[in-house]
């Protein structure tokens, strides 16, 4: 991908709809499942409800039954194709899949993708998440998504950069999450969170110094939202938890 950072096209713009009526925008990304590609996004995007109060998120009080996804066009980087995916079946049962043990308490889900005509899948790898450089408190990380539904050239994602705000391997609130300090807004829910490093050197997790001839990045998890409206601290569900979900889907 000459001249384009891969994470800019890995995050996908989504629009939640009820019977083709737009309700809200957000972000998603694709991972490879055992039976095909899976769209990963926040649970509150597909339910259309506040995960803590259950109240509808849309000012219309509507909740979605489909998602519009802007995908990369097959063989044409920098061009896009739009598809609709149902998220409820004919009996209004969810088509998305939740974490096998955390269930509705985890604010991320996976939706098996069906509408893939002319789509190029550029997935995140939840097994090999990237180079093993160290990422700790105060280190730089990026939330790659679509704040306020904005797109950076065609449907490329916007990078909001901040800092790791907690120990990444220590559970916050007894959930597999860590905190990041980064100004973020609506539309970024479901964004991939990565640690991006330019070419040069970085400290590895084994304490040795590693060198990179090209920019590299490490997938850390999925952004879920701020801890409250007065704070720039936000919640990130770890890549390891996403892997548990993916591994549970046959």
C-alpha atoms as a PDB file:
ATOM      1  CA  UNK A   1       0.000   0.000   0.000  1.00  0.00           C
ATOM      2  CA  UNK A   2       2.329   2.729  -1.301  1.00  0.00           C
ATOM      3  CA  UNK A   3       1.736   6.064   0.397  1.00  0.00           C
ATOM      4  CA  UNK A   4      -1.153   4.823   2.548  1.00  0.00           C
ATOM      5  CA  UNK A   5      -0.948   3.490   6.094  1.00  0.00           C
ATOM      6  CA  UNK A   6      -2.800   0.196   6.245  1.00  0.00           C
ATOM      7  CA  UNK A   7      -4.886   1.063   9.362  1.00  0.00           C
ATOM      8  CA  UNK A   8      -6.437   3.968   7.415  1.00  0.00           C
ATOM      9  CA  UNK A   9      -8.311   1.464   5.248  1.00  0.00           C
ATOM     10  CA  UNK A  10      -8.784  -1.266   7.843  1.00  0.00           C
ATOM     11  CA  UNK A  11     -11.272   0.815   9.829  1.00  0.00           C
ATOM     12  CA  UNK A  12     -14.639   0.882   8.056  1.00  0.00           C
ATOM     13  CA  UNK A  13     -17.346   3.546   8.183  1.00  0.00           C
ATOM     14  CA  UNK A  14     -20.716   2.181   9.293  1.00  0.00           C
ATOM     15  CA  UNK A  15     -24.175   3.695   9.527  1.00  0.00           C
ATOM     16  CA  UNK A  16     -26.849   2.154  11.718  1.00  0.00           C
ATOM     17  CA  UNK A  17     -30.293   2.185  10.131  1.00  0.00           C
ATOM     18  CA  UNK A  18     -33.878   1.177  10.759  1.00  0.00           C
ATOM     19  CA  UNK A  19     -35.547   0.172   7.501  1.00  0.00           C
ATOM     20  CA  UNK A  20     -33.136   2.399   5.525  1.00  0.00           C
ATOM     21  CA  UNK A  21     -33.668   5.333   7.913  1.00  0.00           C
ATOM     22  CA  UNK A  22     -30.242   6.538   9.188  1.00  0.00           C
ATOM     23  CA  UNK A  23     -29.928   6.615  12.979  1.00  0.00           C
ATOM     24  CA  UNK A  24     -26.236   7.026  13.803  1.00  0.00           C
ATOM     25  CA  UNK A  25     -22.736   6.498  12.453  1.00  0.00           C
ATOM     26  CA  UNK A  26     -19.841   4.527  13.877  1.00  0.00           C
ATOM     27  CA  UNK A  27     -16.758   2.510  13.084  1.00  0.00           C
ATOM     28  CA  UNK A  28     -16.021  -1.185  12.567  1.00  0.00           C
ATOM     29  CA  UNK A  29     -13.247  -3.406  11.289  1.00  0.00           C
ATOM     30  CA  UNK A  30     -12.966  -6.926   9.900  1.00  0.00           C
ATOM     31  CA  UNK A  31     -11.280 -10.001  11.358  1.00  0.00           C
ATOM     32  CA  UNK A  32     -10.948 -13.446   9.820  1.00  0.00           C
ATOM     33  CA  UNK A  33     -13.310 -16.024  11.313  1.00  0.00           C
ATOM     34  CA  UNK A  34     -13.229 -19.791  10.862  1.00  0.00           C
ATOM     35  CA  UNK A  35     -16.198 -19.658   8.469  1.00  0.00           C
ATOM     36  CA  UNK A  36     -15.604 -16.286   6.864  1.00  0.00           C
ATOM     37  CA  UNK A  37     -15.002 -12.618   7.594  1.00  0.00           C
ATOM     38  CA  UNK A  38     -16.501 -11.061  10.713  1.00  0.00           C
ATOM     39  CA  UNK A  39     -17.394  -7.403  11.193  1.00  0.00           C
ATOM     40  CA  UNK A  40     -16.381  -6.301  14.699  1.00  0.00           C
ATOM     41  CA  UNK A  41     -17.925  -3.227  16.302  1.00  0.00           C
ATOM     42  CA  UNK A  42     -19.390  -2.105  19.617  1.00  0.00           C
ATOM     43  CA  UNK A  43     -22.449  -3.834  20.976  1.00  0.00           C
ATOM     44  CA  UNK A  44     -24.091  -0.474  21.628  1.00  0.00           C
ATOM     45  CA  UNK A  45     -23.814   0.301  17.900  1.00  0.00           C
ATOM     46  CA  UNK A  46     -25.902  -2.726  16.920  1.00  0.00           C
ATOM     47  CA  UNK A  47     -28.381  -2.482  19.798  1.00  0.00           C
ATOM     48  CA  UNK A  48     -28.751   1.279  19.423  1.00  0.00           C
ATOM     49  CA  UNK A  49     -28.960   1.524  23.210  1.00  0.00           C
ATOM     50  CA  UNK A  50     -26.838   2.969  25.979  1.00  0.00           C
ATOM     51  CA  UNK A  51     -24.974  -0.049  27.425  1.00  0.00           C
ATOM     52  CA  UNK A  52     -25.506   1.183  30.997  1.00  0.00           C
ATOM     53  CA  UNK A  53     -29.073   2.560  30.964  1.00  0.00           C
ATOM     54  CA  UNK A  54     -30.675   0.726  28.036  1.00  0.00           C
ATOM     55  CA  UNK A  55     -32.021   4.013  26.673  1.00  0.00           C
ATOM     56  CA  UNK A  56     -32.044   4.494  22.874  1.00  0.00           C
ATOM     57  CA  UNK A  57     -28.997   6.384  21.636  1.00  0.00           C
ATOM     58  CA  UNK A  58     -30.709   7.975  18.638  1.00  0.00           C
ATOM     59  CA  UNK A  59     -32.686  11.199  19.090  1.00  0.00           C
ATOM     60  CA  UNK A  60     -35.439   9.461  17.105  1.00  0.00           C
ATOM     61  CA  UNK A  61     -35.642   6.740  19.812  1.00  0.00           C
ATOM     62  CA  UNK A  62     -35.255   4.223  17.009  1.00  0.00           C
ATOM     63  CA  UNK A  63     -33.020   1.167  17.197  1.00  0.00           C
ATOM     64  CA  UNK A  64     -31.318  -0.337  14.140  1.00  0.00           C
ATOM     65  CA  UNK A  65     -32.144  -3.465  12.209  1.00  0.00           C
ATOM     66  CA  UNK A  66     -29.436  -3.070   9.562  1.00  0.00           C
ATOM     67  CA  UNK A  67     -25.962  -1.637   9.099  1.00  0.00           C
ATOM     68  CA  UNK A  68     -24.610   0.103   6.032  1.00  0.00           C
ATOM     69  CA  UNK A  69     -20.900  -0.692   5.613  1.00  0.00           C
ATOM     70  CA  UNK A  70     -18.500   1.162   3.315  1.00  0.00           C
ATOM     71  CA  UNK A  71     -15.968  -1.474   2.241  1.00  0.00           C
ATOM     72  CA  UNK A  72     -12.749  -1.251   0.262  1.00  0.00           C
ATOM     73  CA  UNK A  73     -13.433  -2.088  -3.378  1.00  0.00           C
ATOM     74  CA  UNK A  74     -11.791  -5.278  -4.598  1.00  0.00           C
ATOM     75  CA  UNK A  75      -8.506  -4.572  -6.385  1.00  0.00           C
ATOM     76  CA  UNK A  76      -9.012  -0.792  -6.269  1.00  0.00           C
ATOM     77  CA  UNK A  77      -7.395   0.754  -3.213  1.00  0.00           C
ATOM     78  CA  UNK A  78      -8.824   4.227  -2.716  1.00  0.00           C
ATOM     79  CA  UNK A  79     -12.233   3.246  -4.042  1.00  0.00           C
ATOM     80  CA  UNK A  80     -15.137   1.908  -2.045  1.00  0.00           C
ATOM     81  CA  UNK A  81     -18.307  -0.136  -2.300  1.00  0.00           C
ATOM     82  CA  UNK A  82     -21.347   0.115  -0.020  1.00  0.00           C
ATOM     83  CA  UNK A  83     -23.378  -2.832   1.264  1.00  0.00           C
ATOM     84  CA  UNK A  84     -26.243  -3.304   3.704  1.00  0.00           C
ATOM     85  CA  UNK A  85     -26.088  -6.046   6.323  1.00  0.00           C
ATOM     86  CA  UNK A  86     -29.153  -7.083   8.359  1.00  0.00           C
ATOM     87  CA  UNK A  87     -28.458  -7.299  12.076  1.00  0.00           C
ATOM     88  CA  UNK A  88     -31.813  -8.828  13.076  1.00  0.00           C
ATOM     89  CA  UNK A  89     -33.578 -11.825  11.548  1.00  0.00           C
ATOM     90  CA  UNK A  90     -37.271 -11.969  10.601  1.00  0.00           C
ATOM     91  CA  UNK A  91     -38.206 -12.601  14.254  1.00  0.00           C
ATOM     92  CA  UNK A  92     -36.007  -9.710  15.471  1.00  0.00           C
ATOM     93  CA  UNK A  93     -33.400 -12.057  16.880  1.00  0.00           C
ATOM     94  CA  UNK A  94     -29.829 -10.684  16.787  1.00  0.00           C
ATOM     95  CA  UNK A  95     -27.590 -11.885  13.991  1.00  0.00           C
ATOM     96  CA  UNK A  96     -24.495 -10.635  15.799  1.00  0.00           C
ATOM     97  CA  UNK A  97     -22.520 -12.873  18.152  1.00  0.00           C
ATOM     98  CA  UNK A  98     -21.448 -11.895  21.664  1.00  0.00           C
ATOM     99  CA  UNK A  99     -18.456 -12.914  23.758  1.00  0.00           C
ATOM    100  CA  UNK A 100     -18.867 -16.539  24.940  1.00  0.00           C
ATOM    101  CA  UNK A 101     -18.610 -15.742  28.674  1.00  0.00           C
ATOM    102  CA  UNK A 102     -18.986 -11.969  29.005  1.00  0.00           C
ATOM    103  CA  UNK A 103     -22.111 -11.841  26.835  1.00  0.00           C
ATOM    104  CA  UNK A 104     -23.953  -8.529  26.829  1.00  0.00           C
ATOM    105  CA  UNK A 105     -21.514  -7.129  29.400  1.00  0.00           C
ATOM    106  CA  UNK A 106     -18.819  -6.877  26.730  1.00  0.00           C
ATOM    107  CA  UNK A 107     -19.305  -3.840  24.508  1.00  0.00           C
ATOM    108  CA  UNK A 108     -18.175  -5.544  21.327  1.00  0.00           C
ATOM    109  CA  UNK A 109     -19.744  -8.099  18.984  1.00  0.00           C
ATOM    110  CA  UNK A 110     -18.986  -9.904  15.736  1.00  0.00           C
ATOM    111  CA  UNK A 111     -21.343  -9.968  12.760  1.00  0.00           C
ATOM    112  CA  UNK A 112     -20.757 -12.612  10.053  1.00  0.00           C
ATOM    113  CA  UNK A 113     -20.579 -10.711   6.764  1.00  0.00           C
ATOM    114  CA  UNK A 114     -22.835 -11.849   3.922  1.00  0.00           C
ATOM    115  CA  UNK A 115     -22.846  -8.971   1.414  1.00  0.00           C
ATOM    116  CA  UNK A 116     -19.339  -9.154  -0.049  1.00  0.00           C
ATOM    117  CA  UNK A 117     -19.748  -8.552  -3.781  1.00  0.00           C
ATOM    118  CA  UNK A 118     -16.723  -6.610  -5.100  1.00  0.00           C
ATOM    119  CA  UNK A 119     -15.304  -6.273  -1.562  1.00  0.00           C
ATOM    120  CA  UNK A 120     -11.634  -6.519  -0.640  1.00  0.00           C
ATOM    121  CA  UNK A 121     -11.195  -7.794   2.912  1.00  0.00           C
ATOM    122  CA  UNK A 122      -8.271  -6.192   4.760  1.00  0.00           C
ATOM    123  CA  UNK A 123      -8.591  -7.744   8.230  1.00  0.00           C
ATOM    124  CA  UNK A 124      -6.905  -7.273  11.566  1.00  0.00           C
ATOM    125  CA  UNK A 125      -5.155 -10.363  12.885  1.00  0.00           C
ATOM    126  CA  UNK A 126      -6.281 -11.065  16.452  1.00  0.00           C
ATOM    127  CA  UNK A 127      -3.696 -13.839  16.846  1.00  0.00           C
ATOM    128  CA  UNK A 128      -0.570 -12.122  15.547  1.00  0.00           C
ATOM    129  CA  UNK A 129      -1.388  -8.566  16.566  1.00  0.00           C
ATOM    130  CA  UNK A 130       1.912  -7.039  15.478  1.00  0.00           C
ATOM    131  CA  UNK A 131       5.554  -6.595  16.483  1.00  0.00           C
ATOM    132  CA  UNK A 132       6.259  -7.289  20.134  1.00  0.00           C
ATOM    133  CA  UNK A 133       7.379  -3.802  21.089  1.00  0.00           C
ATOM    134  CA  UNK A 134       6.477  -2.634  24.573  1.00  0.00           C
ATOM    135  CA  UNK A 135       3.385  -0.466  25.114  1.00  0.00           C
ATOM    136  CA  UNK A 136       2.929   0.907  28.622  1.00  0.00           C
ATOM    137  CA  UNK A 137       1.442   3.878  30.499  1.00  0.00           C
ATOM    138  CA  UNK A 138       2.007   7.252  28.767  1.00  0.00           C
ATOM    139  CA  UNK A 139       3.015   5.567  25.484  1.00  0.00           C
ATOM    140  CA  UNK A 140       1.405   6.902  22.311  1.00  0.00           C
ATOM    141  CA  UNK A 141      -1.543   5.080  20.757  1.00  0.00           C
ATOM    142  CA  UNK A 142      -4.121   5.919  18.093  1.00  0.00           C
ATOM    143  CA  UNK A 143      -7.888   5.497  17.778  1.00  0.00           C
ATOM    144  CA  UNK A 144      -8.557   4.991  14.059  1.00  0.00           C
ATOM    145  CA  UNK A 145     -12.134   5.729  13.076  1.00  0.00           C
ATOM    146  CA  UNK A 146     -14.735   8.272  12.000  1.00  0.00           C
ATOM    147  CA  UNK A 147     -15.461  11.008  14.591  1.00  0.00           C
ATOM    148  CA  UNK A 148     -18.772  12.773  13.890  1.00  0.00           C
ATOM    149  CA  UNK A 149     -19.027  10.594  10.775  1.00  0.00           C
ATOM    150  CA  UNK A 150     -16.119  12.432   9.142  1.00  0.00           C
ATOM    151  CA  UNK A 151     -14.004  10.625   6.550  1.00  0.00           C
ATOM    152  CA  UNK A 152     -10.452  11.585   5.581  1.00  0.00           C
ATOM    153  CA  UNK A 153     -10.374  11.419   1.778  1.00  0.00           C
ATOM    154  CA  UNK A 154     -12.934   9.067   0.279  1.00  0.00           C
ATOM    155  CA  UNK A 155     -13.716   6.720   3.146  1.00  0.00           C
ATOM    156  CA  UNK A 156     -10.329   6.625   4.828  1.00  0.00           C
ATOM    157  CA  UNK A 157     -10.296   6.779   8.601  1.00  0.00           C
ATOM    158  CA  UNK A 158      -9.133   9.603  10.850  1.00  0.00           C
ATOM    159  CA  UNK A 159      -6.413   8.986  13.432  1.00  0.00           C
ATOM    160  CA  UNK A 160      -6.995  10.456  16.895  1.00  0.00           C
ATOM    161  CA  UNK A 161      -3.794  10.124  18.879  1.00  0.00           C
ATOM    162  CA  UNK A 162      -3.429  10.008  22.656  1.00  0.00           C
ATOM    163  CA  UNK A 163      -1.781   8.012  25.393  1.00  0.00           C
ATOM    164  CA  UNK A 164      -2.087   4.756  27.272  1.00  0.00           C
ATOM    165  CA  UNK A 165      -3.683   5.802  30.573  1.00  0.00           C
ATOM    166  CA  UNK A 166      -3.537   2.564  32.589  1.00  0.00           C
ATOM    167  CA  UNK A 167      -1.477  -0.589  32.804  1.00  0.00           C
ATOM    168  CA  UNK A 168      -2.513  -2.403  29.598  1.00  0.00           C
ATOM    169  CA  UNK A 169      -2.419  -5.883  31.124  1.00  0.00           C
ATOM    170  CA  UNK A 170      -4.233  -4.985  34.367  1.00  0.00           C
ATOM    171  CA  UNK A 171      -8.029  -5.194  34.296  1.00  0.00           C
ATOM    172  CA  UNK A 172      -9.948  -1.966  34.773  1.00  0.00           C
ATOM    173  CA  UNK A 173     -13.212  -2.445  36.696  1.00  0.00           C
ATOM    174  CA  UNK A 174     -12.648  -6.221  36.566  1.00  0.00           C
ATOM    175  CA  UNK A 175     -13.158  -6.304  32.793  1.00  0.00           C
ATOM    176  CA  UNK A 176     -10.560  -7.111  30.092  1.00  0.00           C
ATOM    177  CA  UNK A 177     -10.123  -3.433  29.277  1.00  0.00           C
ATOM    178  CA  UNK A 178      -7.565  -0.679  29.646  1.00  0.00           C
ATOM    179  CA  UNK A 179      -7.925   3.106  29.556  1.00  0.00           C
ATOM    180  CA  UNK A 180      -6.607   5.533  27.004  1.00  0.00           C
ATOM    181  CA  UNK A 181      -6.376   9.336  27.289  1.00  0.00           C
ATOM    182  CA  UNK A 182      -7.432  10.791  23.934  1.00  0.00           C
ATOM    183  CA  UNK A 183     -10.053  13.296  22.874  1.00  0.00           C
ATOM    184  CA  UNK A 184     -12.712  11.271  21.077  1.00  0.00           C
ATOM    185  CA  UNK A 185     -16.292  11.860  20.064  1.00  0.00           C
ATOM    186  CA  UNK A 186     -19.377  10.119  18.669  1.00  0.00           C
ATOM    187  CA  UNK A 187     -18.747   8.093  15.552  1.00  0.00           C
ATOM    188  CA  UNK A 188     -15.512   6.634  16.888  1.00  0.00           C
ATOM    189  CA  UNK A 189     -17.295   3.843  18.740  1.00  0.00           C
ATOM    190  CA  UNK A 190     -15.945   0.591  17.327  1.00  0.00           C
ATOM    191  CA  UNK A 191     -12.610   2.052  16.233  1.00  0.00           C
ATOM    192  CA  UNK A 192      -9.488  -0.069  16.158  1.00  0.00           C
ATOM    193  CA  UNK A 193      -6.932   1.063  18.734  1.00  0.00           C
ATOM    194  CA  UNK A 194      -3.313   0.635  17.666  1.00  0.00           C
ATOM    195  CA  UNK A 195       0.202   1.552  18.711  1.00  0.00           C
ATOM    196  CA  UNK A 196       1.967   2.919  15.637  1.00  0.00           C
ATOM    197  CA  UNK A 197       5.729   3.378  15.500  1.00  0.00           C
ATOM    198  CA  UNK A 198       7.752   5.015  12.749  1.00  0.00           C
ATOM    199  CA  UNK A 199      10.867   3.386  11.377  1.00  0.00           C
ATOM    200  CA  UNK A 200      13.687   3.390  13.889  1.00  0.00           C
ATOM    201  CA  UNK A 201      14.041   1.697  17.248  1.00  0.00           C
ATOM    202  CA  UNK A 202      11.629   0.678  19.998  1.00  0.00           C
ATOM    203  CA  UNK A 203      11.909  -1.189  23.286  1.00  0.00           C
ATOM    204  CA  UNK A 204      10.619  -4.736  22.967  1.00  0.00           C
ATOM    205  CA  UNK A 205       8.673  -6.617  25.640  1.00  0.00           C
ATOM    206  CA  UNK A 206      11.747  -8.731  26.392  1.00  0.00           C
ATOM    207  CA  UNK A 207      13.650  -5.566  27.346  1.00  0.00           C
ATOM    208  CA  UNK A 208      15.833  -5.542  24.245  1.00  0.00           C
ATOM    209  CA  UNK A 209      15.973  -2.768  21.694  1.00  0.00           C
ATOM    210  CA  UNK A 210      14.377  -3.601  18.367  1.00  0.00           C
ATOM    211  CA  UNK A 211      14.821  -1.787  15.064  1.00  0.00           C
ATOM    212  CA  UNK A 212      12.366  -1.357  12.187  1.00  0.00           C
ATOM    213  CA  UNK A 213      13.164  -0.356   8.619  1.00  0.00           C
ATOM    214  CA  UNK A 214       9.544   0.712   7.986  1.00  0.00           C
ATOM    215  CA  UNK A 215       6.639   2.004  10.087  1.00  0.00           C
ATOM    216  CA  UNK A 216       4.944  -0.749  12.109  1.00  0.00           C
ATOM    217  CA  UNK A 217       1.808  -1.009  14.215  1.00  0.00           C
ATOM    218  CA  UNK A 218       0.366  -3.258  16.879  1.00  0.00           C
ATOM    219  CA  UNK A 219      -3.369  -3.943  17.258  1.00  0.00           C
ATOM    220  CA  UNK A 220      -4.420  -3.362  20.865  1.00  0.00           C
ATOM    221  CA  UNK A 221      -8.218  -3.572  20.902  1.00  0.00           C
ATOM    222  CA  UNK A 222     -11.524  -1.828  20.194  1.00  0.00           C
ATOM    223  CA  UNK A 223     -12.557   1.587  21.498  1.00  0.00           C
ATOM    224  CA  UNK A 224     -15.876   1.571  23.353  1.00  0.00           C
ATOM    225  CA  UNK A 225     -16.460   5.125  24.612  1.00  0.00           C
ATOM    226  CA  UNK A 226     -15.546   7.601  27.331  1.00  0.00           C
ATOM    227  CA  UNK A 227     -15.931   6.725  31.006  1.00  0.00           C
ATOM    228  CA  UNK A 228     -18.183   9.808  31.280  1.00  0.00           C
ATOM    229  CA  UNK A 229     -18.993  12.897  29.235  1.00  0.00           C
ATOM    230  CA  UNK A 230     -16.691  15.111  31.308  1.00  0.00           C
ATOM    231  CA  UNK A 231     -13.561  13.047  30.699  1.00  0.00           C
ATOM    232  CA  UNK A 232     -11.226  12.248  27.823  1.00  0.00           C
ATOM    233  CA  UNK A 233     -10.496   8.870  29.414  1.00  0.00           C
ATOM    234  CA  UNK A 234     -11.927   6.106  27.271  1.00  0.00           C
ATOM    235  CA  UNK A 235     -12.365   2.349  27.486  1.00  0.00           C
ATOM    236  CA  UNK A 236     -10.573  -0.092  25.180  1.00  0.00           C
ATOM    237  CA  UNK A 237     -11.527  -3.786  25.145  1.00  0.00           C
ATOM    238  CA  UNK A 238      -8.366  -5.795  24.651  1.00  0.00           C
ATOM    239  CA  UNK A 239      -7.423  -7.686  21.495  1.00  0.00           C
ATOM    240  CA  UNK A 240      -7.196 -10.867  23.587  1.00  0.00           C
ATOM    241  CA  UNK A 241     -10.902 -10.592  24.460  1.00  0.00           C
ATOM    242  CA  UNK A 242     -11.784 -10.112  20.797  1.00  0.00           C
ATOM    243  CA  UNK A 243      -9.750 -13.208  19.984  1.00  0.00           C
ATOM    244  CA  UNK A 244     -11.797 -15.195  22.542  1.00  0.00           C
ATOM    245  CA  UNK A 245     -14.967 -14.140  20.742  1.00  0.00           C
ATOM    246  CA  UNK A 246     -13.576 -14.996  17.304  1.00  0.00           C
ATOM    247  CA  UNK A 247     -12.319 -18.386  18.506  1.00  0.00           C
ATOM    248  CA  UNK A 248     -15.807 -19.221  19.833  1.00  0.00           C
ATOM    249  CA  UNK A 249     -17.484 -18.767  16.434  1.00  0.00           C
ATOM    250  CA  UNK A 250     -17.664 -21.919  14.309  1.00  0.00           C
END
